[in-house]
C-alpha atoms as a PDB file:
ATOM      1  CA  MET A   1      90.004  97.114  85.728  1.00  0.00           C
ATOM      2  CA  LYS A   2      93.642  97.959  86.269  1.00  0.00           C
ATOM      3  CA  GLN A   3      94.947  96.970  89.661  1.00  0.00           C
ATOM      4  CA  VAL A   4      98.331  97.752  91.195  1.00  0.00           C
ATOM      5  CA  PHE A   5     100.021  94.767  92.799  1.00  0.00           C
ATOM      6  CA  ILE A   6     102.718  95.118  95.463  1.00  0.00           C
ATOM      7  CA  LEU A   7     105.955  93.207  95.249  1.00  0.00           C
ATOM      8  CA  LEU A   8     105.895  89.633  96.536  1.00  0.00           C
ATOM      9  CA  LEU A   9     109.310  88.202  97.242  1.00  0.00           C
ATOM     10  CA  PHE A  10     108.333  84.551  97.114  1.00  0.00           C
ATOM     11  CA  LEU A  11     105.804  82.636  95.095  1.00  0.00           C
ATOM     12  CA  SER A  12     103.182  80.617  96.919  1.00  0.00           C
ATOM     13  CA  PRO A  13     103.941  76.894  97.387  1.00  0.00           C
ATOM     14  CA  ALA A  14     100.725  76.152  95.470  1.00  0.00           C
ATOM     15  CA  LEU A  15     102.137  77.655  92.300  1.00  0.00           C
ATOM     16  CA  SER A  16     105.553  76.069  92.780  1.00  0.00           C
ATOM     17  CA  ALA A  17     104.016  72.659  93.307  1.00  0.00           C
ATOM     18  CA  GLN A  18     102.048  72.880  90.092  1.00  0.00           C
ATOM     19  CA  ASN A  19     105.173  74.070  88.272  1.00  0.00           C
ATOM     20  CA  ARG A  20     103.452  76.068  85.517  1.00  0.00           C
ATOM     21  CA  VAL A  21     100.134  76.705  83.825  1.00  0.00           C
ATOM     22  CA  SER A  22      98.895  77.769  80.404  1.00  0.00           C
ATOM     23  CA  VAL A  23      95.456  79.030  79.402  1.00  0.00           C
ATOM     24  CA  ASP A  24      93.833  80.636  76.373  1.00  0.00           C
ATOM     25  CA  ALA A  25      91.688  83.730  76.829  1.00  0.00           C
ATOM     26  CA  GLU A  26      89.263  85.670  74.653  1.00  0.00           C
ATOM     27  CA  ILE A  27      88.172  89.104  75.863  1.00  0.00           C
ATOM     28  CA  LYS A  28      85.245  90.844  74.226  1.00  0.00           C
ATOM     29  CA  GLN A  29      84.449  94.411  75.232  1.00  0.00           C
ATOM     30  CA  VAL A  30      81.487  96.558  74.214  1.00  0.00           C
ATOM     31  CA  ASN A  31      81.684 100.322  74.707  1.00  0.00           C
ATOM     32  CA  LYS A  32      79.137 102.765  73.257  1.00  0.00           C
ATOM     33  CA  GLY A  33      78.004 100.238  70.683  1.00  0.00           C
ATOM     34  CA  GLN A  34      81.549  99.460  69.538  1.00  0.00           C
ATOM     35  CA  SER A  35      82.855  95.926  70.014  1.00  0.00           C
ATOM     36  CA  MET A  36      86.483  94.862  70.390  1.00  0.00           C
ATOM     37  CA  THR A  37      87.845  91.335  70.766  1.00  0.00           C
ATOM     38  CA  VAL A  38      91.278  90.343  72.059  1.00  0.00           C
ATOM     39  CA  GLN A  39      92.644  86.802  71.923  1.00  0.00           C
ATOM     40  CA  LYS A  40      95.730  85.717  73.823  1.00  0.00           C
ATOM     41  CA  GLY A  41      97.549  82.765  75.321  1.00  0.00           C
ATOM     42  CA  ILE A  42      98.974  82.983  78.850  1.00  0.00           C
ATOM     43  CA  TYR A  43     102.004  80.936  79.924  1.00  0.00           C
ATOM     44  CA  LEU A  44     102.916  81.274  83.609  1.00  0.00           C
ATOM     45  CA  ASN A  45     106.073  79.644  84.968  1.00  0.00           C
ATOM     46  CA  ALA A  46     106.672  78.626  88.574  1.00  0.00           C
ATOM     47  CA  ASN A  47     109.252  81.389  89.060  1.00  0.00           C
ATOM     48  CA  GLY A  48     106.664  84.030  88.112  1.00  0.00           C
ATOM     49  CA  ARG A  49     107.954  84.597  84.581  1.00  0.00           C
ATOM     50  CA  MET A  50     104.942  84.986  82.308  1.00  0.00           C
ATOM     51  CA  VAL A  51     104.694  85.061  78.539  1.00  0.00           C
ATOM     52  CA  VAL A  52     101.507  86.430  77.005  1.00  0.00           C
ATOM     53  CA  ARG A  53     101.109  85.833  73.290  1.00  0.00           C
ATOM     54  CA  PHE A  54      98.510  88.174  71.789  1.00  0.00           C
ATOM     55  CA  LEU A  55      96.960  86.735  68.638  1.00  0.00           C
ATOM     56  CA  HIS A  56      94.179  89.167  67.757  1.00  0.00           C
ATOM     57  CA  PRO A  57      93.756  91.900  66.632  1.00  0.00           C
ATOM     58  CA  GLU A  58      97.551  91.938  66.249  1.00  0.00           C
ATOM     59  CA  GLU A  59     100.280  89.447  67.092  1.00  0.00           C
ATOM     60  CA  TYR A  60     102.783  90.490  69.717  1.00  0.00           C
ATOM     61  CA  TYR A  61     104.316  89.164  72.922  1.00  0.00           C
ATOM     62  CA  MET A  62     104.597  90.463  76.455  1.00  0.00           C
ATOM     63  CA  VAL A  63     107.198  88.926  78.752  1.00  0.00           C
ATOM     64  CA  THR A  64     106.953  89.938  82.403  1.00  0.00           C
ATOM     65  CA  ASN A  65     107.656  88.778  85.955  1.00  0.00           C
ATOM     66  CA  THR A  66     106.361  89.281  89.495  1.00  0.00           C
ATOM     67  CA  PHE A  67     108.097  92.663  89.714  1.00  0.00           C
ATOM     68  CA  GLY A  68     106.249  94.134  86.720  1.00  0.00           C
ATOM     69  CA  GLU A  69     109.426  94.271  84.613  1.00  0.00           C
ATOM     70  CA  ALA A  70     107.890  93.829  81.187  1.00  0.00           C
ATOM     71  CA  ARG A  71     108.991  93.780  77.575  1.00  0.00           C
ATOM     72  CA  VAL A  72     106.562  94.001  74.658  1.00  0.00           C
ATOM     73  CA  TYR A  73     107.851  92.507  71.414  1.00  0.00           C
ATOM     74  CA  HIS A  74     106.405  92.902  67.914  1.00  0.00           C
ATOM     75  CA  PRO A  75     107.760  90.154  65.615  1.00  0.00           C
ATOM     76  CA  LYS A  76     106.682  91.915  62.411  1.00  0.00           C
ATOM     77  CA  THR A  77     109.022  94.837  63.029  1.00  0.00           C
ATOM     78  CA  ASN A  78     111.461  93.143  65.428  1.00  0.00           C
ATOM     79  CA  GLU A  79     110.884  95.962  67.920  1.00  0.00           C
ATOM     80  CA  VAL A  80     110.787  95.739  71.692  1.00  0.00           C
ATOM     81  CA  MET A  81     109.447  98.171  74.277  1.00  0.00           C
ATOM     82  CA  VAL A  82     110.716  97.933  77.867  1.00  0.00           C
ATOM     83  CA  MET A  83     108.436  98.935  80.750  1.00  0.00           C
ATOM     84  CA  ASN A  84     108.520  98.689  84.535  1.00  0.00           C
ATOM     85  CA  ASP A  85     105.062  98.930  86.071  1.00  0.00           C
ATOM     86  CA  GLN A  86     103.637  96.782  88.862  1.00  0.00           C
ATOM     87  CA  MET A  87     100.305  96.773  87.002  1.00  0.00           C
ATOM     88  CA  LEU A  88     102.086  94.512  84.494  1.00  0.00           C
ATOM     89  CA  SER A  89     103.135  91.988  87.133  1.00  0.00           C
ATOM     90  CA  SER A  90     102.423  88.345  86.369  1.00  0.00           C
ATOM     91  CA  GLN A  91     100.439  88.369  89.606  1.00  0.00           C
ATOM     92  CA  GLY A  92      97.852  90.522  87.832  1.00  0.00           C
ATOM     93  CA  GLU A  93      96.392  87.587  85.908  1.00  0.00           C
ATOM     94  CA  LEU A  94      93.225  86.119  87.428  1.00  0.00           C
ATOM     95  CA  ILE A  95      94.529  82.570  87.304  1.00  0.00           C
ATOM     96  CA  TYR A  96      97.381  83.562  89.635  1.00  0.00           C
ATOM     97  CA  TYR A  97      94.898  84.105  92.507  1.00  0.00           C
ATOM     98  CA  PHE A  98      93.538  80.599  92.147  1.00  0.00           C
ATOM     99  CA  LEU A  99      96.935  78.956  91.752  1.00  0.00           C
ATOM    100  CA  THR A 100      98.180  80.644  94.940  1.00  0.00           C
ATOM    101  CA  ASN A 101      95.075  80.013  97.067  1.00  0.00           C
ATOM    102  CA  GLN A 102      93.999  83.653  97.157  1.00  0.00           C
ATOM    103  CA  THR A 103      90.377  82.929  96.272  1.00  0.00           C
ATOM    104  CA  GLU A 104      89.036  84.401  99.516  1.00  0.00           C
ATOM    105  CA  ASP A 105      90.330  87.943  98.928  1.00  0.00           C
ATOM    106  CA  LEU A 106      91.394  87.778  95.240  1.00  0.00           C
ATOM    107  CA  GLY A 107      94.723  89.341  96.138  1.00  0.00           C
ATOM    108  CA  LEU A 108      93.280  92.302  98.059  1.00  0.00           C
ATOM    109  CA  ARG A 109      95.378  91.729 101.171  1.00  0.00           C
ATOM    110  CA  SER A 110      98.555  91.945  99.140  1.00  0.00           C
ATOM    111  CA  LEU A 111      97.205  95.208  97.724  1.00  0.00           C
ATOM    112  CA  GLY A 112      96.983  96.731 101.192  1.00  0.00           C
ATOM    113  CA  PHE A 113      93.348  95.940 102.039  1.00  0.00           C
ATOM    114  CA  SER A 114      92.011  94.504 105.290  1.00  0.00           C
ATOM    115  CA  LEU A 115      88.860  92.552 105.998  1.00  0.00           C
ATOM    116  CA  ALA A 116      86.345  95.031 107.467  1.00  0.00           C
ATOM    117  CA  ASN A 117      83.136  93.023 107.613  1.00  0.00           C
ATOM    118  CA  THR A 118      81.694  89.560 106.966  1.00  0.00           C
ATOM    119  CA  ARG A 119      78.026  88.706 106.686  1.00  0.00           C
ATOM    120  CA  VAL A 120      76.027  85.685 105.608  1.00  0.00           C
ATOM    121  CA  GLU A 121      72.975  85.807 103.366  1.00  0.00           C
ATOM    122  CA  GLY A 122      71.519  82.384 102.687  1.00  0.00           C
ATOM    123  CA  ASN A 123      74.310  80.206 101.322  1.00  0.00           C
ATOM    124  CA  MET A 124      76.441  83.193 100.371  1.00  0.00           C
ATOM    125  CA  ILE A 125      79.269  84.780 102.356  1.00  0.00           C
ATOM    126  CA  ILE A 126      79.843  88.474 101.679  1.00  0.00           C
ATOM    127  CA  ARG A 127      83.141  90.036 102.711  1.00  0.00           C
ATOM    128  CA  THR A 128      83.955  93.733 102.618  1.00  0.00           C
ATOM    129  CA  TYR A 129      87.561  94.880 102.355  1.00  0.00           C
ATOM    130  CA  THR A 130      88.816  98.416 102.946  1.00  0.00           C
ATOM    131  CA  PRO A 131      92.275  99.897 102.328  1.00  0.00           C
ATOM    132  CA  ARG A 132      94.582 100.042 105.344  1.00  0.00           C
ATOM    133  CA  HIS A 133      95.956 103.344 104.087  1.00  0.00           C
ATOM    134  CA  SER A 134      94.351 106.210 102.224  1.00  0.00           C
ATOM    135  CA  ARG A 135      93.825 105.427  98.555  1.00  0.00           C
ATOM    136  CA  GLN A 136      92.610 107.828  95.913  1.00  0.00           C
ATOM    137  CA  ASN A 137      90.880 105.266  93.714  1.00  0.00           C
ATOM    138  CA  LEU A 138      89.042 102.746  95.909  1.00  0.00           C
ATOM    139  CA  SER A 139      87.224 103.002  99.233  1.00  0.00           C
ATOM    140  CA  LYS A 140      86.057  99.382  99.523  1.00  0.00           C
ATOM    141  CA  VAL A 141      85.663  96.097  97.691  1.00  0.00           C
ATOM    142  CA  GLU A 142      82.961  93.476  98.244  1.00  0.00           C
ATOM    143  CA  ILE A 143      83.457  89.809  97.367  1.00  0.00           C
ATOM    144  CA  VAL A 144      80.643  87.269  97.431  1.00  0.00           C
ATOM    145  CA  HIS A 145      81.387  83.549  97.839  1.00  0.00           C
ATOM    146  CA  GLU A 146      79.122  80.590  97.278  1.00  0.00           C
ATOM    147  CA  ASN A 147      80.318  77.052  98.031  1.00  0.00           C
ATOM    148  CA  HIS A 148      83.720  78.522  98.913  1.00  0.00           C
ATOM    149  CA  LEU A 149      84.184  80.021  95.442  1.00  0.00           C
ATOM    150  CA  PRO A 150      83.959  83.702  94.455  1.00  0.00           C
ATOM    151  CA  ILE A 151      80.957  84.441  92.269  1.00  0.00           C
ATOM    152  CA  TYR A 152      80.866  88.254  92.386  1.00  0.00           C
ATOM    153  CA  SER A 153      83.004  91.256  93.313  1.00  0.00           C
ATOM    154  CA  ALA A 154      82.260  94.984  93.369  1.00  0.00           C
ATOM    155  CA  TYR A 155      84.660  97.930  93.522  1.00  0.00           C
ATOM    156  CA  TYR A 156      83.733 101.341  94.945  1.00  0.00           C
ATOM    157  CA  ASP A 157      85.550 104.641  94.442  1.00  0.00           C
ATOM    158  CA  ALA A 158      86.486 107.164  97.133  1.00  0.00           C
ATOM    159  CA  LYS A 159      82.983 108.660  96.998  1.00  0.00           C
ATOM    160  CA  GLY A 160      81.300 105.300  97.503  1.00  0.00           C
ATOM    161  CA  ARG A 161      80.151 104.954  93.880  1.00  0.00           C
ATOM    162  CA  MET A 162      80.377 101.499  92.342  1.00  0.00           C
ATOM    163  CA  VAL A 163      82.877 101.685  89.495  1.00  0.00           C
ATOM    164  CA  GLU A 164      83.115  98.024  88.520  1.00  0.00           C
ATOM    165  CA  ARG A 165      81.451  94.689  89.178  1.00  0.00           C
ATOM    166  CA  LEU A 166      82.607  91.245  88.102  1.00  0.00           C
ATOM    167  CA  TYR A 167      80.771  87.926  87.882  1.00  0.00           C
ATOM    168  CA  TYR A 168      82.717  84.633  87.996  1.00  0.00           C
ATOM    169  CA  SER A 169      81.033  81.524  86.573  1.00  0.00           C
ATOM    170  CA  ASP A 170      81.424  78.246  84.659  1.00  0.00           C
ATOM    171  CA  TYR A 171      84.012  76.836  87.046  1.00  0.00           C
ATOM    172  CA  GLU A 172      86.284  74.033  85.927  1.00  0.00           C
ATOM    173  CA  ARG A 173      87.579  71.719  88.616  1.00  0.00           C
ATOM    174  CA  LEU A 174      91.340  71.216  88.455  1.00  0.00           C
ATOM    175  CA  SER A 175      93.369  68.800  90.550  1.00  0.00           C
ATOM    176  CA  PHE A 176      94.148  71.456  93.174  1.00  0.00           C
ATOM    177  CA  THR A 177      91.533  74.184  92.735  1.00  0.00           C
ATOM    178  CA  ALA A 178      88.618  75.355  90.598  1.00  0.00           C
ATOM    179  CA  PHE A 179      88.855  78.138  88.046  1.00  0.00           C
ATOM    180  CA  PRO A 180      86.110  80.309  86.486  1.00  0.00           C
ATOM    181  CA  LYS A 181      86.153  79.961  82.711  1.00  0.00           C
ATOM    182  CA  ARG A 182      83.816  82.925  82.294  1.00  0.00           C
ATOM    183  CA  VAL A 183      84.243  86.373  83.835  1.00  0.00           C
ATOM    184  CA  THR A 184      81.686  89.050  83.006  1.00  0.00           C
ATOM    185  CA  GLY A 185      82.469  92.623  83.957  1.00  0.00           C
ATOM    186  CA  ILE A 186      80.614  95.913  83.933  1.00  0.00           C
ATOM    187  CA  SER A 187      82.581  99.084  84.611  1.00  0.00           C
ATOM    188  CA  TYR A 188      81.208 102.586  85.019  1.00  0.00           C
ATOM    189  CA  PRO A 189      83.707 105.252  83.912  1.00  0.00           C
ATOM    190  CA  THR A 190      81.013 107.887  84.543  1.00  0.00           C
ATOM    191  CA  ALA A 191      77.554 107.869  86.120  1.00  0.00           C
ATOM    192  CA  ASN A 192      75.971 107.661  82.646  1.00  0.00           C
ATOM    193  CA  ASP A 193      78.366 105.315  80.843  1.00  0.00           C
ATOM    194  CA  SER A 194      79.132 101.622  81.162  1.00  0.00           C
ATOM    195  CA  ILE A 195      81.570  99.232  79.517  1.00  0.00           C
ATOM    196  CA  ILE A 196      80.692  95.546  79.318  1.00  0.00           C
ATOM    197  CA  SER A 197      83.395  92.910  79.000  1.00  0.00           C
ATOM    198  CA  ARG A 198      83.378  89.135  78.827  1.00  0.00           C
ATOM    199  CA  THR A 199      86.443  86.948  79.257  1.00  0.00           C
ATOM    200  CA  LEU A 200      86.309  83.288  78.276  1.00  0.00           C
ATOM    201  CA  TYR A 201      89.126  80.992  79.392  1.00  0.00           C
ATOM    202  CA  SER A 202      89.797  77.648  77.736  1.00  0.00           C
ATOM    203  CA  ASN A 203      92.429  74.971  77.165  1.00  0.00           C
ATOM    204  CA  ILE A 204      93.767  75.112  80.737  1.00  0.00           C
ATOM    205  CA  LYS A 205      96.937  73.044  81.136  1.00  0.00           C
ATOM    206  CA  VAL A 206      98.779  72.553  84.435  1.00  0.00           C
ATOM    207  CA  GLY A 207     102.088  70.982  85.425  1.00  0.00           C
ATOM    208  CA  LYS A 208     103.315  68.217  83.170  1.00  0.00           C
ATOM    209  CA  ASP A 209     100.401  68.794  80.786  1.00  0.00           C
ATOM    210  CA  ALA A 210     101.590  72.364  80.097  1.00  0.00           C
ATOM    211  CA  THR A 211     104.099  71.702  77.324  1.00  0.00           C
ATOM    212  CA  SER A 212     103.843  74.720  75.028  1.00  0.00           C
ATOM    213  CA  PRO A 213     107.155  76.075  73.681  1.00  0.00           C
ATOM    214  CA  HIS A 214     105.848  79.584  74.465  1.00  0.00           C
ATOM    215  CA  PHE A 215     106.825  79.082  78.107  1.00  0.00           C
ATOM    216  CA  ASP A 216     110.429  79.528  76.989  1.00  0.00           C
ATOM    217  CA  PHE A 217     109.853  82.283  74.453  1.00  0.00           C
ATOM    218  CA  THR A 218     112.813  84.671  74.310  1.00  0.00           C
ATOM    219  CA  ILE A 219     112.896  88.054  72.618  1.00  0.00           C
ATOM    220  CA  PRO A 220     115.612  88.099  69.921  1.00  0.00           C
ATOM    221  CA  ALA A 221     118.828  89.756  71.028  1.00  0.00           C
ATOM    222  CA  ASN A 222     118.850  91.939  67.889  1.00  0.00           C
ATOM    223  CA  ALA A 223     115.378  93.397  68.520  1.00  0.00           C
ATOM    224  CA  ARG A 224     115.402  97.183  68.161  1.00  0.00           C
ATOM    225  CA  ARG A 225     114.386  98.999  71.325  1.00  0.00           C
ATOM    226  CA  VAL A 226     111.776 101.743  70.926  1.00  0.00           C
ATOM    227  CA  ASP A 227     109.872 103.887  73.394  1.00  0.00           C
ATOM    228  CA  SER A 228     106.140 103.484  73.883  1.00  0.00           C
ATOM    229  CA  ASP A 229     105.120 106.636  71.991  1.00  0.00           C
ATOM    230  CA  ASN A 230     107.035 105.659  68.841  1.00  0.00           C
ATOM    231  CA  LEU A 231     105.785 102.086  68.960  1.00  0.00           C
ATOM    232  CA  PHE A 232     102.138 103.075  69.321  1.00  0.00           C
ATOM    233  CA  GLN A 233     102.442 105.664  66.535  1.00  0.00           C
ATOM    234  CA  GLN A 234     103.885 103.052  64.199  1.00  0.00           C
ATOM    235  CA  GLN A 235     101.096 100.620  65.094  1.00  0.00           C
ATOM    236  CA  GLY A 236      98.538 103.291  64.236  1.00  0.00           C
ATOM    237  CA  ARG A 237     100.083 103.905  60.835  1.00  0.00           C
ATOM    238  CA  ARG A 238     100.066 100.189  60.028  1.00  0.00           C
ATOM    239  CA  ARG A 239      96.353  99.753  60.808  1.00  0.00           C
END
């Protein structure tokens, strides 16, 4: 689900200490019997600069930062699209929450949510967060922790209807945190429809082990700038 992240002026010491991180991701989504798979590599620098290299179904790059200032580059056509949207912030990647010790609220506090309730059921801790100010899209979010790690989250719209739930599993222990290598999501665009997605993370590299040249990827200076409508139309014609 798309989430809007507010501007953070400084990166957490946890991320700075680890310097940078890279991870591969495969996202498979099933909607009305149709399946789509996306493969990408994520390269997050300590200063918040992030390079995402999409490999499938089409190769292109997205370079963004903590402010959501993003550029999408297609090497086949040498075209670049410039966007400025906080939804594109590097802080929107799941691994950012774990690198910056935001596993308790998964970034909700920085989104303007406050802790409204905490309850314990067996060995699970369930926290409910509500927006501090009126929001049109979400009324509350529930996060369930087990052994201090999030295993489930649920998002509810303004009418109290669950619109998305996420399951976090297959944790890999890193030197400073643990990270879920599998995230399964079910979203409900309408009361009668659902979209199932599965994200598998692999090849996690941190600090000195993260040596990919993609960390320093730079869009060519001679890339031709296009607007989003033209770029998407050209992509459609090529497919």
